[in-house]
Amino acid sequence: MIGSELLLALLLLVNLGAALVRAAQGPTAADRMLAALLFGSTGVGILVLLAVIQQTPALIDVALTLALLAAISGIAFAQRAWSQAVLGRRRGTASKTEDGDAA
């Protein structure tokens, strides 16, 4: 059992490293937001794994809270991007994101 948990922890660590690289390289705000969502889901996986290993049910509550925050932040970003795109169409111009890319 310890071997499978160790393998899972290693895979989650690799996933976290990939998200870190993507967040650093992300040319647009959307790329950075997706990396942040990947951080959130990987964090949930790590917390659930720790809860199972340490037999601590309180970590499940923390993982659920982190998952909820990640979902809310994703929705907020999508709503902001959508509203900027709609405003840009109404004005007849393409809206720009923080990085200067058209949304």
PDB file of N, CA and C in Angstrom:
ATOM      1  N   MET A   1       0.817  -1.193   0.000  1.00  0.00           N
ATOM      2  CA  MET A   1       0.000   0.000   0.000  1.00  0.00           C
ATOM      3  C   MET A   1       0.863   1.260   0.000  1.00  0.00           C
ATOM      4  N   ILE A   2       1.952   1.249   0.725  1.00  0.00           N
ATOM      5  CA  ILE A   2       2.817   2.426   0.787  1.00  0.00           C
ATOM      6  C   ILE A   2       3.428   2.702  -0.589  1.00  0.00           C
ATOM      7  N   GLY A   3       3.741   1.662  -1.347  1.00  0.00           N
ATOM      8  CA  GLY A   3       4.328   1.844  -2.677  1.00  0.00           C
ATOM      9  C   GLY A   3       3.385   2.563  -3.625  1.00  0.00           C
ATOM     10  N   SER A   4       2.106   2.198  -3.602  1.00  0.00           N
ATOM     11  CA  SER A   4       1.145   2.848  -4.492  1.00  0.00           C
ATOM     12  C   SER A   4       0.899   4.297  -4.070  1.00  0.00           C
ATOM     13  N   GLU A   5       0.894   4.556  -2.775  1.00  0.00           N
ATOM     14  CA  GLU A   5       0.714   5.919  -2.307  1.00  0.00           C
ATOM     15  C   GLU A   5       1.931   6.781  -2.649  1.00  0.00           C
ATOM     16  N   LEU A   6       3.105   6.195  -2.573  1.00  0.00           N
ATOM     17  CA  LEU A   6       4.319   6.910  -2.947  1.00  0.00           C
ATOM     18  C   LEU A   6       4.322   7.231  -4.441  1.00  0.00           C
ATOM     19  N   LEU A   7       3.890   6.292  -5.254  1.00  0.00           N
ATOM     20  CA  LEU A   7       3.808   6.522  -6.691  1.00  0.00           C
ATOM     21  C   LEU A   7       2.795   7.624  -7.009  1.00  0.00           C
ATOM     22  N   LEU A   8       1.663   7.596  -6.330  1.00  0.00           N
ATOM     23  CA  LEU A   8       0.658   8.621  -6.541  1.00  0.00           C
ATOM     24  C   LEU A   8       1.171   9.999  -6.114  1.00  0.00           C
ATOM     25  N   ALA A   9       1.876  10.049  -5.001  1.00  0.00           N
ATOM     26  CA  ALA A   9       2.448  11.324  -4.548  1.00  0.00           C
ATOM     27  C   ALA A   9       3.472  11.842  -5.555  1.00  0.00           C
ATOM     28  N   LEU A  10       4.250  10.954  -6.138  1.00  0.00           N
ATOM     29  CA  LEU A  10       5.236  11.350  -7.145  1.00  0.00           C
ATOM     30  C   LEU A  10       4.549  11.895  -8.395  1.00  0.00           C
ATOM     31  N   LEU A  11       3.483  11.246  -8.826  1.00  0.00           N
ATOM     32  CA  LEU A  11       2.745  11.725  -9.991  1.00  0.00           C
ATOM     33  C   LEU A  11       2.115  13.094  -9.734  1.00  0.00           C
ATOM     34  N   LEU A  12       1.602  13.297  -8.535  1.00  0.00           N
ATOM     35  CA  LEU A  12       1.031  14.598  -8.195  1.00  0.00           C
ATOM     36  C   LEU A  12       2.108  15.681  -8.157  1.00  0.00           C
ATOM     37  N   LEU A  13       3.283  15.326  -7.697  1.00  0.00           N
ATOM     38  CA  LEU A  13       4.395  16.279  -7.668  1.00  0.00           C
ATOM     39  C   LEU A  13       4.828  16.662  -9.078  1.00  0.00           C
ATOM     40  N   VAL A  14       4.869  15.690  -9.984  1.00  0.00           N
ATOM     41  CA  VAL A  14       5.199  15.974 -11.387  1.00  0.00           C
ATOM     42  C   VAL A  14       4.129  16.873 -11.993  1.00  0.00           C
ATOM     43  N   ASN A  15       2.862  16.606 -11.663  1.00  0.00           N
ATOM     44  CA  ASN A  15       1.757  17.431 -12.149  1.00  0.00           C
ATOM     45  C   ASN A  15       1.888  18.866 -11.646  1.00  0.00           C
ATOM     46  N   LEU A  16       2.277  19.026 -10.398  1.00  0.00           N
ATOM     47  CA  LEU A  16       2.466  20.357  -9.828  1.00  0.00           C
ATOM     48  C   LEU A  16       3.625  21.085 -10.516  1.00  0.00           C
ATOM     49  N   GLY A  17       4.687  20.348 -10.831  1.00  0.00           N
ATOM     50  CA  GLY A  17       5.816  20.947 -11.555  1.00  0.00           C
ATOM     51  C   GLY A  17       5.421  21.394 -12.950  1.00  0.00           C
ATOM     52  N   ALA A  18       4.606  20.589 -13.630  1.00  0.00           N
ATOM     53  CA  ALA A  18       4.138  20.964 -14.961  1.00  0.00           C
ATOM     54  C   ALA A  18       3.268  22.218 -14.894  1.00  0.00           C
ATOM     55  N   ALA A  19       2.454  22.318 -13.873  1.00  0.00           N
ATOM     56  CA  ALA A  19       1.611  23.509 -13.712  1.00  0.00           C
ATOM     57  C   ALA A  19       2.467  24.737 -13.432  1.00  0.00           C
ATOM     58  N   LEU A  20       3.518  24.573 -12.677  1.00  0.00           N
ATOM     59  CA  LEU A  20       4.408  25.693 -12.374  1.00  0.00           C
ATOM     60  C   LEU A  20       5.102  26.190 -13.637  1.00  0.00           C
ATOM     61  N   VAL A  21       5.555  25.269 -14.456  1.00  0.00           N
ATOM     62  CA  VAL A  21       6.196  25.647 -15.717  1.00  0.00           C
ATOM     63  C   VAL A  21       5.195  26.359 -16.619  1.00  0.00           C
ATOM     64  N   ARG A  22       3.972  25.842 -16.687  1.00  0.00           N
ATOM     65  CA  ARG A  22       2.948  26.452 -17.543  1.00  0.00           C
ATOM     66  C   ARG A  22       2.575  27.851 -17.045  1.00  0.00           C
ATOM     67  N   ALA A  23       2.515  28.008 -15.740  1.00  0.00           N
ATOM     68  CA  ALA A  23       2.180  29.331 -15.193  1.00  0.00           C
ATOM     69  C   ALA A  23       3.290  30.339 -15.495  1.00  0.00           C
ATOM     70  N   ALA A  24       4.530  29.888 -15.483  1.00  0.00           N
ATOM     71  CA  ALA A  24       5.646  30.789 -15.772  1.00  0.00           C
ATOM     72  C   ALA A  24       5.717  31.138 -17.255  1.00  0.00           C
ATOM     73  N   GLN A  25       5.393  30.184 -18.125  1.00  0.00           N
ATOM     74  CA  GLN A  25       5.502  30.404 -19.565  1.00  0.00           C
ATOM     75  C   GLN A  25       4.240  30.999 -20.167  1.00  0.00           C
ATOM     76  N   GLY A  26       3.118  30.872 -19.481  1.00  0.00           N
ATOM     77  CA  GLY A  26       1.832  31.254 -20.045  1.00  0.00           C
ATOM     78  C   GLY A  26       1.822  32.630 -20.662  1.00  0.00           C
ATOM     79  N   PRO A  27       1.645  32.725 -21.979  1.00  0.00           N
ATOM     80  CA  PRO A  27       1.664  34.038 -22.602  1.00  0.00           C
ATOM     81  C   PRO A  27       0.388  34.847 -22.345  1.00  0.00           C
ATOM     82  N   THR A  28      -0.691  34.181 -22.002  1.00  0.00           N
ATOM     83  CA  THR A  28      -1.947  34.914 -21.791  1.00  0.00           C
ATOM     84  C   THR A  28      -2.440  34.699 -20.362  1.00  0.00           C
ATOM     85  N   ALA A  29      -3.364  35.533 -19.985  1.00  0.00           N
ATOM     86  CA  ALA A  29      -3.963  35.399 -18.656  1.00  0.00           C
ATOM     87  C   ALA A  29      -4.747  34.096 -18.542  1.00  0.00           C
ATOM     88  N   ALA A  30      -5.323  33.639 -19.639  1.00  0.00           N
ATOM     89  CA  ALA A  30      -6.077  32.382 -19.613  1.00  0.00           C
ATOM     90  C   ALA A  30      -5.160  31.199 -19.321  1.00  0.00           C
ATOM     91  N   ASP A  31      -3.963  31.209 -19.880  1.00  0.00           N
ATOM     92  CA  ASP A  31      -3.006  30.135 -19.601  1.00  0.00           C
ATOM     93  C   ASP A  31      -2.625  30.122 -18.124  1.00  0.00           C
ATOM     94  N   ARG A  32      -2.431  31.291 -17.572  1.00  0.00           N
ATOM     95  CA  ARG A  32      -2.078  31.375 -16.147  1.00  0.00           C
ATOM     96  C   ARG A  32      -3.245  30.930 -15.271  1.00  0.00           C
ATOM     97  N   MET A  33      -4.464  31.236 -15.685  1.00  0.00           N
ATOM     98  CA  MET A  33      -5.626  30.829 -14.911  1.00  0.00           C
ATOM     99  C   MET A  33      -5.792  29.315 -14.950  1.00  0.00           C
ATOM    100  N   LEU A  34      -5.570  28.716 -16.096  1.00  0.00           N
ATOM    101  CA  LEU A  34      -5.643  27.260 -16.185  1.00  0.00           C
ATOM    102  C   LEU A  34      -4.578  26.596 -15.311  1.00  0.00           C
ATOM    103  N   ALA A  35      -3.399  27.194 -15.256  1.00  0.00           N
ATOM    104  CA  ALA A  35      -2.356  26.664 -14.381  1.00  0.00           C
ATOM    105  C   ALA A  35      -2.764  26.800 -12.915  1.00  0.00           C
ATOM    106  N   ALA A  36      -3.412  27.898 -12.563  1.00  0.00           N
ATOM    107  CA  ALA A  36      -3.888  28.069 -11.187  1.00  0.00           C
ATOM    108  C   ALA A  36      -4.957  27.036 -10.852  1.00  0.00           C
ATOM    109  N   LEU A  37      -5.830  26.737 -11.806  1.00  0.00           N
ATOM    110  CA  LEU A  37      -6.834  25.697 -11.580  1.00  0.00           C
ATOM    111  C   LEU A  37      -6.180  24.322 -11.431  1.00  0.00           C
ATOM    112  N   LEU A  38      -5.107  24.102 -12.181  1.00  0.00           N
ATOM    113  CA  LEU A  38      -4.365  22.846 -12.046  1.00  0.00           C
ATOM    114  C   LEU A  38      -3.692  22.755 -10.680  1.00  0.00           C
ATOM    115  N   PHE A  39      -3.184  23.891 -10.180  1.00  0.00           N
ATOM    116  CA  PHE A  39      -2.653  23.922  -8.816  1.00  0.00           C
ATOM    117  C   PHE A  39      -3.723  23.521  -7.813  1.00  0.00           C
ATOM    118  N   GLY A  40      -4.914  24.066  -7.997  1.00  0.00           N
ATOM    119  CA  GLY A  40      -6.006  23.772  -7.070  1.00  0.00           C
ATOM    120  C   GLY A  40      -6.392  22.308  -7.076  1.00  0.00           C
ATOM    121  N   SER A  41      -6.539  21.733  -8.255  1.00  0.00           N
ATOM    122  CA  SER A  41      -6.943  20.326  -8.318  1.00  0.00           C
ATOM    123  C   SER A  41      -5.831  19.400  -7.828  1.00  0.00           C
ATOM    124  N   THR A  42      -4.586  19.756  -8.103  1.00  0.00           N
ATOM    125  CA  THR A  42      -3.473  18.958  -7.586  1.00  0.00           C
ATOM    126  C   THR A  42      -3.386  19.079  -6.069  1.00  0.00           C
ATOM    127  N   GLY A  43      -3.635  20.278  -5.562  1.00  0.00           N
ATOM    128  CA  GLY A  43      -3.654  20.469  -4.110  1.00  0.00           C
ATOM    129  C   GLY A  43      -4.738  19.636  -3.439  1.00  0.00           C
ATOM    130  N   VAL A  44      -5.881  19.549  -4.089  1.00  0.00           N
ATOM    131  CA  VAL A  44      -6.959  18.703  -3.556  1.00  0.00           C
ATOM    132  C   VAL A  44      -6.512  17.252  -3.525  1.00  0.00           C
ATOM    133  N   GLY A  45      -5.884  16.809  -4.592  1.00  0.00           N
ATOM    134  CA  GLY A  45      -5.399  15.426  -4.630  1.00  0.00           C
ATOM    135  C   GLY A  45      -4.364  15.143  -3.550  1.00  0.00           C
ATOM    136  N   ILE A  46      -3.463  16.078  -3.340  1.00  0.00           N
ATOM    137  CA  ILE A  46      -2.440  15.904  -2.306  1.00  0.00           C
ATOM    138  C   ILE A  46      -3.077  15.858  -0.924  1.00  0.00           C
ATOM    139  N   LEU A  47      -4.042  16.754  -0.677  1.00  0.00           N
ATOM    140  CA  LEU A  47      -4.704  16.767   0.635  1.00  0.00           C
ATOM    141  C   LEU A  47      -5.501  15.497   0.885  1.00  0.00           C
ATOM    142  N   VAL A  48      -6.170  14.984  -0.139  1.00  0.00           N
ATOM    143  CA  VAL A  48      -6.912  13.733   0.030  1.00  0.00           C
ATOM    144  C   VAL A  48      -5.952  12.579   0.280  1.00  0.00           C
ATOM    145  N   LEU A  49      -4.834  12.572  -0.434  1.00  0.00           N
ATOM    146  CA  LEU A  49      -3.828  11.535  -0.210  1.00  0.00           C
ATOM    147  C   LEU A  49      -3.285  11.599   1.217  1.00  0.00           C
ATOM    148  N   LEU A  50      -3.007  12.793   1.696  1.00  0.00           N
ATOM    149  CA  LEU A  50      -2.542  12.947   3.081  1.00  0.00           C
ATOM    150  C   LEU A  50      -3.605  12.514   4.088  1.00  0.00           C
ATOM    151  N   ALA A  51      -4.865  12.817   3.774  1.00  0.00           N
ATOM    152  CA  ALA A  51      -5.945  12.416   4.676  1.00  0.00           C
ATOM    153  C   ALA A  51      -6.038  10.897   4.785  1.00  0.00           C
ATOM    154  N   VAL A  52      -5.822  10.212   3.675  1.00  0.00           N
ATOM    155  CA  VAL A  52      -5.873   8.750   3.689  1.00  0.00           C
ATOM    156  C   VAL A  52      -4.670   8.180   4.430  1.00  0.00           C
ATOM    157  N   ILE A  53      -3.489   8.718   4.146  1.00  0.00           N
ATOM    158  CA  ILE A  53      -2.273   8.192   4.776  1.00  0.00           C
ATOM    159  C   ILE A  53      -2.281   8.431   6.282  1.00  0.00           C
ATOM    160  N   GLN A  54      -2.640   9.651   6.694  1.00  0.00           N
ATOM    161  CA  GLN A  54      -2.600  10.001   8.118  1.00  0.00           C
ATOM    162  C   GLN A  54      -3.899   9.681   8.850  1.00  0.00           C
ATOM    163  N   GLN A  55      -4.902   9.237   8.104  1.00  0.00           N
ATOM    164  CA  GLN A  55      -6.224   8.935   8.673  1.00  0.00           C
ATOM    165  C   GLN A  55      -6.767  10.150   9.432  1.00  0.00           C
ATOM    166  N   THR A  56      -6.740  11.297   8.747  1.00  0.00           N
ATOM    167  CA  THR A  56      -7.210  12.555   9.320  1.00  0.00           C
ATOM    168  C   THR A  56      -8.372  13.069   8.475  1.00  0.00           C
ATOM    169  N   PRO A  57      -9.604  12.875   8.923  1.00  0.00           N
ATOM    170  CA  PRO A  57     -10.752  13.309   8.123  1.00  0.00           C
ATOM    171  C   PRO A  57     -10.854  14.829   7.955  1.00  0.00           C
ATOM    172  N   ALA A  58     -10.219  15.598   8.828  1.00  0.00           N
ATOM    173  CA  ALA A  58     -10.289  17.057   8.713  1.00  0.00           C
ATOM    174  C   ALA A  58      -9.632  17.542   7.425  1.00  0.00           C
ATOM    175  N   LEU A  59      -8.651  16.818   6.914  1.00  0.00           N
ATOM    176  CA  LEU A  59      -8.001  17.219   5.672  1.00  0.00           C
ATOM    177  C   LEU A  59      -8.943  17.097   4.479  1.00  0.00           C
ATOM    178  N   ILE A  60      -9.926  16.224   4.563  1.00  0.00           N
ATOM    179  CA  ILE A  60     -10.928  16.120   3.503  1.00  0.00           C
ATOM    180  C   ILE A  60     -11.730  17.423   3.422  1.00  0.00           C
ATOM    181  N   ASP A  61     -12.073  17.991   4.596  1.00  0.00           N
ATOM    182  CA  ASP A  61     -12.799  19.259   4.614  1.00  0.00           C
ATOM    183  C   ASP A  61     -11.967  20.381   3.997  1.00  0.00           C
ATOM    184  N   VAL A  62     -10.677  20.387   4.289  1.00  0.00           N
ATOM    185  CA  VAL A  62      -9.782  21.395   3.717  1.00  0.00           C
ATOM    186  C   VAL A  62      -9.702  21.210   2.196  1.00  0.00           C
ATOM    187  N   ALA A  63      -9.637  19.961   1.746  1.00  0.00           N
ATOM    188  CA  ALA A  63      -9.576  19.680   0.311  1.00  0.00           C
ATOM    189  C   ALA A  63     -10.855  20.142  -0.390  1.00  0.00           C
ATOM    190  N   LEU A  64     -11.995  19.912   0.234  1.00  0.00           N
ATOM    191  CA  LEU A  64     -13.259  20.359  -0.358  1.00  0.00           C
ATOM    192  C   LEU A  64     -13.334  21.883  -0.434  1.00  0.00           C
ATOM    193  N   THR A  65     -12.816  22.553   0.589  1.00  0.00           N
ATOM    194  CA  THR A  65     -12.790  24.015   0.578  1.00  0.00           C
ATOM    195  C   THR A  65     -11.879  24.528  -0.535  1.00  0.00           C
ATOM    196  N   LEU A  66     -10.731  23.909  -0.700  1.00  0.00           N
ATOM    197  CA  LEU A  66      -9.816  24.299  -1.773  1.00  0.00           C
ATOM    198  C   LEU A  66     -10.451  24.066  -3.144  1.00  0.00           C
ATOM    199  N   ALA A  67     -11.155  22.961  -3.307  1.00  0.00           N
ATOM    200  CA  ALA A  67     -11.828  22.682  -4.578  1.00  0.00           C
ATOM    201  C   ALA A  67     -12.903  23.729  -4.862  1.00  0.00           C
ATOM    202  N   LEU A  68     -13.630  24.129  -3.838  1.00  0.00           N
ATOM    203  CA  LEU A  68     -14.662  25.150  -4.012  1.00  0.00           C
ATOM    204  C   LEU A  68     -14.044  26.495  -4.396  1.00  0.00           C
ATOM    205  N   LEU A  69     -12.957  26.867  -3.745  1.00  0.00           N
ATOM    206  CA  LEU A  69     -12.284  28.127  -4.079  1.00  0.00           C
ATOM    207  C   LEU A  69     -11.732  28.111  -5.508  1.00  0.00           C
ATOM    208  N   ALA A  70     -11.188  26.978  -5.922  1.00  0.00           N
ATOM    209  CA  ALA A  70     -10.663  26.877  -7.288  1.00  0.00           C
ATOM    210  C   ALA A  70     -11.789  27.010  -8.308  1.00  0.00           C
ATOM    211  N   ALA A  71     -12.924  26.385  -8.027  1.00  0.00           N
ATOM    212  CA  ALA A  71     -14.060  26.479  -8.947  1.00  0.00           C
ATOM    213  C   ALA A  71     -14.590  27.908  -9.022  1.00  0.00           C
ATOM    214  N   ILE A  72     -14.690  28.567  -7.891  1.00  0.00           N
ATOM    215  CA  ILE A  72     -15.193  29.947  -7.868  1.00  0.00           C
ATOM    216  C   ILE A  72     -14.238  30.880  -8.615  1.00  0.00           C
ATOM    217  N   SER A  73     -12.939  30.679  -8.441  1.00  0.00           N
ATOM    218  CA  SER A  73     -11.986  31.541  -9.144  1.00  0.00           C
ATOM    219  C   SER A  73     -12.050  31.309 -10.654  1.00  0.00           C
ATOM    220  N   GLY A  74     -12.253  30.079 -11.073  1.00  0.00           N
ATOM    221  CA  GLY A  74     -12.397  29.798 -12.504  1.00  0.00           C
ATOM    222  C   GLY A  74     -13.638  30.444 -13.088  1.00  0.00           C
ATOM    223  N   ILE A  75     -14.732  30.394 -12.345  1.00  0.00           N
ATOM    224  CA  ILE A  75     -15.977  31.024 -12.794  1.00  0.00           C
ATOM    225  C   ILE A  75     -15.815  32.535 -12.864  1.00  0.00           C
ATOM    226  N   ALA A  76     -15.170  33.115 -11.861  1.00  0.00           N
ATOM    227  CA  ALA A  76     -14.966  34.563 -11.853  1.00  0.00           C
ATOM    228  C   ALA A  76     -14.107  35.001 -13.033  1.00  0.00           C
ATOM    229  N   PHE A  77     -13.064  34.238 -13.330  1.00  0.00           N
ATOM    230  CA  PHE A  77     -12.210  34.589 -14.470  1.00  0.00           C
ATOM    231  C   PHE A  77     -12.992  34.491 -15.773  1.00  0.00           C
ATOM    232  N   ALA A  78     -13.766  33.422 -15.941  1.00  0.00           N
ATOM    233  CA  ALA A  78     -14.542  33.251 -17.170  1.00  0.00           C
ATOM    234  C   ALA A  78     -15.571  34.366 -17.328  1.00  0.00           C
ATOM    235  N   GLN A  79     -16.201  34.748 -16.232  1.00  0.00           N
ATOM    236  CA  GLN A  79     -17.189  35.822 -16.296  1.00  0.00           C
ATOM    237  C   GLN A  79     -16.527  37.147 -16.681  1.00  0.00           C
ATOM    238  N   ARG A  80     -15.362  37.404 -16.113  1.00  0.00           N
ATOM    239  CA  ARG A  80     -14.648  38.645 -16.442  1.00  0.00           C
ATOM    240  C   ARG A  80     -14.223  38.655 -17.908  1.00  0.00           C
ATOM    241  N   ALA A  81     -13.698  37.542 -18.390  1.00  0.00           N
ATOM    242  CA  ALA A  81     -13.269  37.465 -19.788  1.00  0.00           C
ATOM    243  C   ALA A  81     -14.469  37.600 -20.722  1.00  0.00           C
ATOM    244  N   TRP A  82     -15.586  36.980 -20.361  1.00  0.00           N
ATOM    245  CA  TRP A  82     -16.782  37.052 -21.191  1.00  0.00           C
ATOM    246  C   TRP A  82     -17.316  38.479 -21.248  1.00  0.00           C
ATOM    247  N   SER A  83     -17.361  39.146 -20.110  1.00  0.00           N
ATOM    248  CA  SER A  83     -17.898  40.511 -20.092  1.00  0.00           C
ATOM    249  C   SER A  83     -16.992  41.460 -20.873  1.00  0.00           C
ATOM    250  N   GLN A  84     -15.689  41.262 -20.836  1.00  0.00           N
ATOM    251  CA  GLN A  84     -14.787  42.101 -21.622  1.00  0.00           C
ATOM    252  C   GLN A  84     -14.981  41.864 -23.114  1.00  0.00           C
ATOM    253  N   ALA A  85     -15.218  40.617 -23.499  1.00  0.00           N
ATOM    254  CA  ALA A  85     -15.441  40.312 -24.911  1.00  0.00           C
ATOM    255  C   ALA A  85     -16.749  40.924 -25.393  1.00  0.00           C
ATOM    256  N   VAL A  86     -17.785  40.871 -24.575  1.00  0.00           N
ATOM    257  CA  VAL A  86     -19.074  41.453 -24.952  1.00  0.00           C
ATOM    258  C   VAL A  86     -18.963  42.966 -25.066  1.00  0.00           C
ATOM    259  N   LEU A  87     -18.271  43.602 -24.120  1.00  0.00           N
ATOM    260  CA  LEU A  87     -18.085  45.056 -24.189  1.00  0.00           C
ATOM    261  C   LEU A  87     -17.280  45.445 -25.419  1.00  0.00           C
ATOM    262  N   GLY A  88     -16.294  44.655 -25.765  1.00  0.00           N
ATOM    263  CA  GLY A  88     -15.491  44.937 -26.950  1.00  0.00           C
ATOM    264  C   GLY A  88     -16.309  44.838 -28.225  1.00  0.00           C
ATOM    265  N   ARG A  89     -17.230  43.871 -28.294  1.00  0.00           N
ATOM    266  CA  ARG A  89     -18.077  43.739 -29.473  1.00  0.00           C
ATOM    267  C   ARG A  89     -19.072  44.895 -29.572  1.00  0.00           C
ATOM    268  N   ARG A  90     -19.566  45.340 -28.440  1.00  0.00           N
ATOM    269  CA  ARG A  90     -20.521  46.455 -28.461  1.00  0.00           C
ATOM    270  C   ARG A  90     -19.851  47.738 -28.936  1.00  0.00           C
ATOM    271  N   ARG A  91     -18.603  47.910 -28.561  1.00  0.00           N
ATOM    272  CA  ARG A  91     -17.867  49.109 -28.970  1.00  0.00           C
ATOM    273  C   ARG A  91     -17.315  48.986 -30.380  1.00  0.00           C
ATOM    274  N   GLY A  92     -17.339  47.771 -30.915  1.00  0.00           N
ATOM    275  CA  GLY A  92     -16.821  47.558 -32.259  1.00  0.00           C
ATOM    276  C   GLY A  92     -15.335  47.305 -32.313  1.00  0.00           C
ATOM    277  N   THR A  93     -14.720  47.094 -31.148  1.00  0.00           N
ATOM    278  CA  THR A  93     -13.289  46.810 -31.104  1.00  0.00           C
ATOM    279  C   THR A  93     -13.075  45.512 -30.355  1.00  0.00           C
ATOM    280  N   ALA A  94     -11.972  44.863 -30.610  1.00  0.00           N
ATOM    281  CA  ALA A  94     -11.622  43.651 -29.878  1.00  0.00           C
ATOM    282  C   ALA A  94     -11.093  44.052 -28.514  1.00  0.00           C
ATOM    283  N   SER A  95     -11.584  43.392 -27.484  1.00  0.00           N
ATOM    284  CA  SER A  95     -11.093  43.722 -26.143  1.00  0.00           C
ATOM    285  C   SER A  95      -9.729  43.090 -25.929  1.00  0.00           C
ATOM    286  N   LYS A  96      -8.955  43.708 -25.090  1.00  0.00           N
ATOM    287  CA  LYS A  96      -7.601  43.238 -24.803  1.00  0.00           C
ATOM    288  C   LYS A  96      -7.548  42.705 -23.379  1.00  0.00           C
ATOM    289  N   THR A  97      -6.761  41.649 -23.191  1.00  0.00           N
ATOM    290  CA  THR A  97      -6.512  41.136 -21.855  1.00  0.00           C
ATOM    291  C   THR A  97      -5.326  41.875 -21.274  1.00  0.00           C
ATOM    292  N   GLU A  98      -4.898  41.475 -20.090  1.00  0.00           N
ATOM    293  CA  GLU A  98      -3.770  42.119 -19.421  1.00  0.00           C
ATOM    294  C   GLU A  98      -2.500  42.051 -20.247  1.00  0.00           C
ATOM    295  N   ASP A  99      -2.342  40.964 -20.999  1.00  0.00           N
ATOM    296  CA  ASP A  99      -1.109  40.752 -21.736  1.00  0.00           C
ATOM    297  C   ASP A  99      -1.158  41.337 -23.143  1.00  0.00           C
ATOM    298  N   GLY A 100      -2.275  41.967 -23.494  1.00  0.00           N
ATOM    299  CA  GLY A 100      -2.377  42.563 -24.822  1.00  0.00           C
ATOM    300  C   GLY A 100      -2.933  41.637 -25.868  1.00  0.00           C
ATOM    301  N   ASP A 101      -3.363  40.430 -25.508  1.00  0.00           N
ATOM    302  CA  ASP A 101      -3.930  39.489 -26.453  1.00  0.00           C
ATOM    303  C   ASP A 101      -5.430  39.747 -26.586  1.00  0.00           C
ATOM    304  N   ALA A 102      -5.949  39.532 -27.753  1.00  0.00           N
ATOM    305  CA  ALA A 102      -7.385  39.713 -27.952  1.00  0.00           C
ATOM    306  C   ALA A 102      -8.131  38.617 -27.218  1.00  0.00           C
ATOM    307  N   ALA A 103      -9.196  38.974 -26.527  1.00  0.00           N
ATOM    308  CA  ALA A 103      -9.976  37.993 -25.778  1.00  0.00           C
ATOM    309  C   ALA A 103     -11.064  37.419 -26.638  1.00  0.00           C
TER     310      ALA A 103
END
